């Protein structure tokens, strides 16, 4: 079989194109030769480029302030490293992404137990709790910093009600803020003890 290269427009055998399952006929639109030339051009551009203007913040920065990207004309990402990290932070702070990360960490921590909890389960419980901490009634947040840490004191944490259970489902947990979760972990307090202490502080 044959196809036309989208770059040089030559009619070539499919063997002259790299495999790309999502493309027409399962092959890359540009032939191997054109892609090779493009790669060399990008590599040459990268070696001679000293500064790039960030597509997001508009600042002109040193080329080493951009992550590498072989497929771009400059050989670098269009966003500077700072903007790139901020975009990751914004993405991870979206509730669905945050809950996925939260559940992943929870499963990793309790890898020796059977976890029958889904992201949708957590979202439903969060709505049931009015998006508030089960104990303090503070509004729960989903903030992530640049380093993708989720330990903001008001962020959502999953607290197990009965620590002796080997199988954990959504009925076995409450959603609390990190401040409460950390207090339970550090001081080995029960939910009742912590609730009592918090009630006294606010009385």
C-alpha atoms as a PDB file:
ATOM      1  CA  UNK A   1       0.000   0.000   0.000  1.00  0.00           C
ATOM      2  CA  UNK A   2       1.025   3.589  -0.620  1.00  0.00           C
ATOM      3  CA  UNK A   3       0.190   7.053   0.722  1.00  0.00           C
ATOM      4  CA  UNK A   4       1.261  10.658   0.202  1.00  0.00           C
ATOM      5  CA  UNK A   5       3.589  12.380   2.660  1.00  0.00           C
ATOM      6  CA  UNK A   6       1.935  15.509   4.084  1.00  0.00           C
ATOM      7  CA  UNK A   7       5.315  17.295   4.032  1.00  0.00           C
ATOM      8  CA  UNK A   8       7.073  16.461   0.752  1.00  0.00           C
ATOM      9  CA  UNK A   9       3.841  15.258  -0.952  1.00  0.00           C
ATOM     10  CA  UNK A  10       5.644  12.273  -2.476  1.00  0.00           C
ATOM     11  CA  UNK A  11       3.730   9.026  -3.032  1.00  0.00           C
ATOM     12  CA  UNK A  12       5.542   6.420  -0.945  1.00  0.00           C
ATOM     13  CA  UNK A  13       5.184   2.908   0.421  1.00  0.00           C
ATOM     14  CA  UNK A  14       3.713   2.510   3.918  1.00  0.00           C
ATOM     15  CA  UNK A  15       7.095   1.118   4.944  1.00  0.00           C
ATOM     16  CA  UNK A  16       8.484   4.642   4.498  1.00  0.00           C
ATOM     17  CA  UNK A  17       6.235   5.937   7.295  1.00  0.00           C
ATOM     18  CA  UNK A  18       6.490   5.370  11.050  1.00  0.00           C
ATOM     19  CA  UNK A  19       3.638   3.445  12.682  1.00  0.00           C
ATOM     20  CA  UNK A  20       0.965   5.636  14.300  1.00  0.00           C
ATOM     21  CA  UNK A  21      -2.192   3.697  15.193  1.00  0.00           C
ATOM     22  CA  UNK A  22      -4.390   6.796  15.544  1.00  0.00           C
ATOM     23  CA  UNK A  23      -3.518   8.117  12.058  1.00  0.00           C
ATOM     24  CA  UNK A  24      -4.940   7.210   8.660  1.00  0.00           C
ATOM     25  CA  UNK A  25      -3.791   3.751   7.518  1.00  0.00           C
ATOM     26  CA  UNK A  26      -2.034   3.407  10.876  1.00  0.00           C
ATOM     27  CA  UNK A  27       0.969   5.470   9.736  1.00  0.00           C
ATOM     28  CA  UNK A  28       2.397   8.906  10.534  1.00  0.00           C
ATOM     29  CA  UNK A  29       1.311  11.626   8.032  1.00  0.00           C
ATOM     30  CA  UNK A  30       4.960  12.582   7.357  1.00  0.00           C
ATOM     31  CA  UNK A  31       7.431  10.103   5.881  1.00  0.00           C
ATOM     32  CA  UNK A  32      10.473   8.917   7.821  1.00  0.00           C
ATOM     33  CA  UNK A  33      12.838  11.069   5.770  1.00  0.00           C
ATOM     34  CA  UNK A  34      10.868  14.291   6.367  1.00  0.00           C
ATOM     35  CA  UNK A  35      10.582  13.532  10.070  1.00  0.00           C
ATOM     36  CA  UNK A  36      14.316  12.905  10.250  1.00  0.00           C
ATOM     37  CA  UNK A  37      15.018  16.243   8.549  1.00  0.00           C
ATOM     38  CA  UNK A  38      12.613  17.984  10.925  1.00  0.00           C
ATOM     39  CA  UNK A  39      14.319  16.427  13.949  1.00  0.00           C
ATOM     40  CA  UNK A  40      17.731  17.588  12.724  1.00  0.00           C
ATOM     41  CA  UNK A  41      16.361  21.099  12.130  1.00  0.00           C
ATOM     42  CA  UNK A  42      14.866  21.211  15.630  1.00  0.00           C
ATOM     43  CA  UNK A  43      18.099  19.942  17.126  1.00  0.00           C
ATOM     44  CA  UNK A  44      20.069  22.574  15.220  1.00  0.00           C
ATOM     45  CA  UNK A  45      17.643  25.296  16.330  1.00  0.00           C
ATOM     46  CA  UNK A  46      17.950  24.183  19.958  1.00  0.00           C
ATOM     47  CA  UNK A  47      21.748  24.367  19.826  1.00  0.00           C
ATOM     48  CA  UNK A  48      21.690  27.925  18.463  1.00  0.00           C
ATOM     49  CA  UNK A  49      18.730  29.254  20.427  1.00  0.00           C
ATOM     50  CA  UNK A  50      19.551  31.318  23.503  1.00  0.00           C
ATOM     51  CA  UNK A  51      16.210  32.826  24.550  1.00  0.00           C
ATOM     52  CA  UNK A  52      12.526  32.019  24.099  1.00  0.00           C
ATOM     53  CA  UNK A  53       9.372  34.017  24.775  1.00  0.00           C
ATOM     54  CA  UNK A  54       6.986  32.082  27.036  1.00  0.00           C
ATOM     55  CA  UNK A  55       3.596  31.588  25.393  1.00  0.00           C
ATOM     56  CA  UNK A  56       1.835  31.993  28.751  1.00  0.00           C
ATOM     57  CA  UNK A  57       3.514  34.801  30.724  1.00  0.00           C
ATOM     58  CA  UNK A  58       5.047  36.561  27.705  1.00  0.00           C
ATOM     59  CA  UNK A  59       8.458  36.880  29.350  1.00  0.00           C
ATOM     60  CA  UNK A  60      11.632  36.299  27.338  1.00  0.00           C
ATOM     61  CA  UNK A  61      13.727  33.778  29.233  1.00  0.00           C
ATOM     62  CA  UNK A  62      16.875  31.716  28.814  1.00  0.00           C
ATOM     63  CA  UNK A  63      16.347  28.503  26.845  1.00  0.00           C
ATOM     64  CA  UNK A  64      17.258  26.431  29.905  1.00  0.00           C
ATOM     65  CA  UNK A  65      14.105  27.783  31.587  1.00  0.00           C
ATOM     66  CA  UNK A  66      12.028  25.644  29.211  1.00  0.00           C
ATOM     67  CA  UNK A  67      11.583  21.872  29.257  1.00  0.00           C
ATOM     68  CA  UNK A  68      12.693  19.959  26.156  1.00  0.00           C
ATOM     69  CA  UNK A  69      10.169  19.003  23.482  1.00  0.00           C
ATOM     70  CA  UNK A  70      11.563  17.269  20.401  1.00  0.00           C
ATOM     71  CA  UNK A  71       8.386  17.812  18.386  1.00  0.00           C
ATOM     72  CA  UNK A  72       8.406  21.639  18.606  1.00  0.00           C
ATOM     73  CA  UNK A  73      10.229  23.969  16.200  1.00  0.00           C
ATOM     74  CA  UNK A  74      12.475  25.243  19.002  1.00  0.00           C
ATOM     75  CA  UNK A  75      13.070  21.874  20.623  1.00  0.00           C
ATOM     76  CA  UNK A  76      11.503  23.272  23.808  1.00  0.00           C
ATOM     77  CA  UNK A  77       8.058  23.561  25.433  1.00  0.00           C
ATOM     78  CA  UNK A  78       6.034  26.687  24.662  1.00  0.00           C
ATOM     79  CA  UNK A  79       5.608  27.427  28.398  1.00  0.00           C
ATOM     80  CA  UNK A  80       8.519  28.269  30.699  1.00  0.00           C
ATOM     81  CA  UNK A  81       9.193  25.854  33.577  1.00  0.00           C
ATOM     82  CA  UNK A  82       7.472  28.129  36.100  1.00  0.00           C
ATOM     83  CA  UNK A  83       4.284  28.444  34.027  1.00  0.00           C
ATOM     84  CA  UNK A  84       4.395  24.728  33.216  1.00  0.00           C
ATOM     85  CA  UNK A  85       4.471  23.837  36.927  1.00  0.00           C
ATOM     86  CA  UNK A  86       1.676  26.306  37.673  1.00  0.00           C
ATOM     87  CA  UNK A  87      -0.491  24.733  34.982  1.00  0.00           C
ATOM     88  CA  UNK A  88       0.101  21.298  36.526  1.00  0.00           C
ATOM     89  CA  UNK A  89      -0.817  22.765  39.912  1.00  0.00           C
ATOM     90  CA  UNK A  90      -4.052  24.263  38.527  1.00  0.00           C
ATOM     91  CA  UNK A  91      -4.935  20.994  36.828  1.00  0.00           C
ATOM     92  CA  UNK A  92      -4.287  18.911  39.946  1.00  0.00           C
ATOM     93  CA  UNK A  93      -6.319  21.359  42.060  1.00  0.00           C
ATOM     94  CA  UNK A  94      -9.461  20.621  40.061  1.00  0.00           C
ATOM     95  CA  UNK A  95     -11.700  18.499  42.256  1.00  0.00           C
ATOM     96  CA  UNK A  96     -11.843  15.335  40.117  1.00  0.00           C
ATOM     97  CA  UNK A  97      -8.071  15.250  39.630  1.00  0.00           C
ATOM     98  CA  UNK A  98      -7.506  15.946  43.321  1.00  0.00           C
ATOM     99  CA  UNK A  99      -9.830  13.109  44.355  1.00  0.00           C
ATOM    100  CA  UNK A 100      -8.009  10.713  42.010  1.00  0.00           C
ATOM    101  CA  UNK A 101      -4.698  11.674  43.604  1.00  0.00           C
ATOM    102  CA  UNK A 102      -6.216  11.404  47.097  1.00  0.00           C
ATOM    103  CA  UNK A 103      -7.556   7.894  46.428  1.00  0.00           C
ATOM    104  CA  UNK A 104      -4.258   6.800  44.873  1.00  0.00           C
ATOM    105  CA  UNK A 105      -2.338   7.870  47.992  1.00  0.00           C
ATOM    106  CA  UNK A 106      -4.942   6.255  50.261  1.00  0.00           C
ATOM    107  CA  UNK A 107      -4.662   2.917  48.434  1.00  0.00           C
ATOM    108  CA  UNK A 108      -0.879   3.099  48.566  1.00  0.00           C
ATOM    109  CA  UNK A 109      -0.919   3.715  52.322  1.00  0.00           C
ATOM    110  CA  UNK A 110      -3.331   0.847  52.966  1.00  0.00           C
ATOM    111  CA  UNK A 111      -1.997  -1.505  50.278  1.00  0.00           C
ATOM    112  CA  UNK A 112      -2.406  -4.504  52.593  1.00  0.00           C
ATOM    113  CA  UNK A 113      -6.156  -3.961  52.787  1.00  0.00           C
ATOM    114  CA  UNK A 114      -8.884  -4.375  50.225  1.00  0.00           C
ATOM    115  CA  UNK A 115     -10.107  -0.910  49.215  1.00  0.00           C
ATOM    116  CA  UNK A 116     -13.577  -0.843  47.641  1.00  0.00           C
ATOM    117  CA  UNK A 117     -13.783   2.909  47.111  1.00  0.00           C
ATOM    118  CA  UNK A 118     -14.057   4.834  43.844  1.00  0.00           C
ATOM    119  CA  UNK A 119     -13.553   8.509  43.038  1.00  0.00           C
ATOM    120  CA  UNK A 120     -17.312   8.773  42.506  1.00  0.00           C
ATOM    121  CA  UNK A 121     -17.885   7.312  46.005  1.00  0.00           C
ATOM    122  CA  UNK A 122     -15.666  10.022  47.509  1.00  0.00           C
ATOM    123  CA  UNK A 123     -17.389  12.736  45.491  1.00  0.00           C
ATOM    124  CA  UNK A 124     -20.827  11.507  46.630  1.00  0.00           C
ATOM    125  CA  UNK A 125     -19.702  11.444  50.281  1.00  0.00           C
ATOM    126  CA  UNK A 126     -18.226  14.920  49.909  1.00  0.00           C
ATOM    127  CA  UNK A 127     -21.580  16.213  48.646  1.00  0.00           C
ATOM    128  CA  UNK A 128     -23.392  14.363  51.442  1.00  0.00           C
ATOM    129  CA  UNK A 129     -21.172  16.113  54.000  1.00  0.00           C
ATOM    130  CA  UNK A 130     -21.897  19.463  52.347  1.00  0.00           C
ATOM    131  CA  UNK A 131     -18.213  19.615  51.330  1.00  0.00           C
ATOM    132  CA  UNK A 132     -17.385  20.140  55.025  1.00  0.00           C
ATOM    133  CA  UNK A 133     -15.051  18.347  57.421  1.00  0.00           C
ATOM    134  CA  UNK A 134     -16.943  15.659  59.344  1.00  0.00           C
ATOM    135  CA  UNK A 135     -15.551  16.960  62.665  1.00  0.00           C
ATOM    136  CA  UNK A 136     -14.705  20.678  62.391  1.00  0.00           C
ATOM    137  CA  UNK A 137     -17.341  21.544  59.747  1.00  0.00           C
ATOM    138  CA  UNK A 138     -14.776  23.664  57.888  1.00  0.00           C
ATOM    139  CA  UNK A 139     -15.148  23.793  54.096  1.00  0.00           C
ATOM    140  CA  UNK A 140     -12.810  21.201  52.589  1.00  0.00           C
ATOM    141  CA  UNK A 141     -10.381  22.381  49.911  1.00  0.00           C
ATOM    142  CA  UNK A 142      -8.491  20.741  47.032  1.00  0.00           C
ATOM    143  CA  UNK A 143      -5.332  22.849  46.837  1.00  0.00           C
ATOM    144  CA  UNK A 144      -2.082  21.503  45.373  1.00  0.00           C
ATOM    145  CA  UNK A 145       1.243  23.370  45.453  1.00  0.00           C
ATOM    146  CA  UNK A 146       3.813  23.619  42.650  1.00  0.00           C
ATOM    147  CA  UNK A 147       5.525  20.432  43.868  1.00  0.00           C
ATOM    148  CA  UNK A 148       2.155  18.617  43.729  1.00  0.00           C
ATOM    149  CA  UNK A 149       1.896  18.325  47.515  1.00  0.00           C
ATOM    150  CA  UNK A 150      -1.617  18.013  48.908  1.00  0.00           C
ATOM    151  CA  UNK A 151      -0.957  18.681  52.596  1.00  0.00           C
ATOM    152  CA  UNK A 152      -2.766  22.024  52.936  1.00  0.00           C
ATOM    153  CA  UNK A 153      -4.400  21.879  56.410  1.00  0.00           C
ATOM    154  CA  UNK A 154      -7.940  22.356  55.023  1.00  0.00           C
ATOM    155  CA  UNK A 155      -7.569  19.877  52.166  1.00  0.00           C
ATOM    156  CA  UNK A 156      -9.638  16.685  52.061  1.00  0.00           C
ATOM    157  CA  UNK A 157      -8.319  13.601  53.842  1.00  0.00           C
ATOM    158  CA  UNK A 158      -9.905  10.166  54.176  1.00  0.00           C
ATOM    159  CA  UNK A 159     -10.329   9.028  57.785  1.00  0.00           C
ATOM    160  CA  UNK A 160     -11.064   5.362  58.512  1.00  0.00           C
ATOM    161  CA  UNK A 161     -13.825   4.909  61.109  1.00  0.00           C
ATOM    162  CA  UNK A 162     -12.863   1.376  62.174  1.00  0.00           C
ATOM    163  CA  UNK A 163      -9.129   0.720  61.839  1.00  0.00           C
ATOM    164  CA  UNK A 164      -9.540  -3.011  62.498  1.00  0.00           C
ATOM    165  CA  UNK A 165     -11.401  -3.734  59.281  1.00  0.00           C
ATOM    166  CA  UNK A 166      -9.416  -5.474  56.542  1.00  0.00           C
ATOM    167  CA  UNK A 167     -11.860  -4.407  53.846  1.00  0.00           C
ATOM    168  CA  UNK A 168     -12.651  -0.714  53.490  1.00  0.00           C
ATOM    169  CA  UNK A 169     -15.584   0.747  51.589  1.00  0.00           C
ATOM    170  CA  UNK A 170     -17.087   4.232  51.523  1.00  0.00           C
ATOM    171  CA  UNK A 171     -19.249   3.432  54.584  1.00  0.00           C
ATOM    172  CA  UNK A 172     -16.053   2.790  56.559  1.00  0.00           C
ATOM    173  CA  UNK A 173     -14.706   6.330  56.206  1.00  0.00           C
ATOM    174  CA  UNK A 174     -15.382  10.001  56.854  1.00  0.00           C
ATOM    175  CA  UNK A 175     -13.921  12.947  54.962  1.00  0.00           C
ATOM    176  CA  UNK A 176     -12.007  15.325  57.214  1.00  0.00           C
ATOM    177  CA  UNK A 177      -9.527  18.167  56.804  1.00  0.00           C
ATOM    178  CA  UNK A 178      -5.794  17.432  56.893  1.00  0.00           C
ATOM    179  CA  UNK A 179      -5.532  19.227  60.239  1.00  0.00           C
ATOM    180  CA  UNK A 180      -7.866  16.681  61.850  1.00  0.00           C
ATOM    181  CA  UNK A 181      -6.290  13.734  60.058  1.00  0.00           C
ATOM    182  CA  UNK A 182      -2.779  14.774  61.142  1.00  0.00           C
ATOM    183  CA  UNK A 183      -3.922  15.202  64.758  1.00  0.00           C
ATOM    184  CA  UNK A 184      -5.352  11.686  64.776  1.00  0.00           C
ATOM    185  CA  UNK A 185      -2.178  10.251  63.238  1.00  0.00           C
ATOM    186  CA  UNK A 186       0.293  12.122  65.476  1.00  0.00           C
ATOM    187  CA  UNK A 187      -1.522  11.837  68.812  1.00  0.00           C
ATOM    188  CA  UNK A 188      -3.269   8.516  68.142  1.00  0.00           C
ATOM    189  CA  UNK A 189      -6.643   9.997  69.052  1.00  0.00           C
ATOM    190  CA  UNK A 190      -9.974   8.370  68.326  1.00  0.00           C
ATOM    191  CA  UNK A 191     -12.670  10.218  66.420  1.00  0.00           C
ATOM    192  CA  UNK A 192     -14.681  10.636  69.648  1.00  0.00           C
ATOM    193  CA  UNK A 193     -11.693  12.058  71.547  1.00  0.00           C
ATOM    194  CA  UNK A 194     -10.894  14.545  68.808  1.00  0.00           C
ATOM    195  CA  UNK A 195     -14.536  15.584  68.473  1.00  0.00           C
ATOM    196  CA  UNK A 196     -14.662  16.170  72.243  1.00  0.00           C
ATOM    197  CA  UNK A 197     -11.491  18.274  72.225  1.00  0.00           C
ATOM    198  CA  UNK A 198     -12.700  20.355  69.287  1.00  0.00           C
ATOM    199  CA  UNK A 199     -16.098  20.903  70.952  1.00  0.00           C
ATOM    200  CA  UNK A 200     -14.387  22.169  74.132  1.00  0.00           C
ATOM    201  CA  UNK A 201     -12.194  24.559  72.139  1.00  0.00           C
ATOM    202  CA  UNK A 202     -15.251  26.051  70.471  1.00  0.00           C
ATOM    203  CA  UNK A 203     -17.510  26.169  73.530  1.00  0.00           C
END
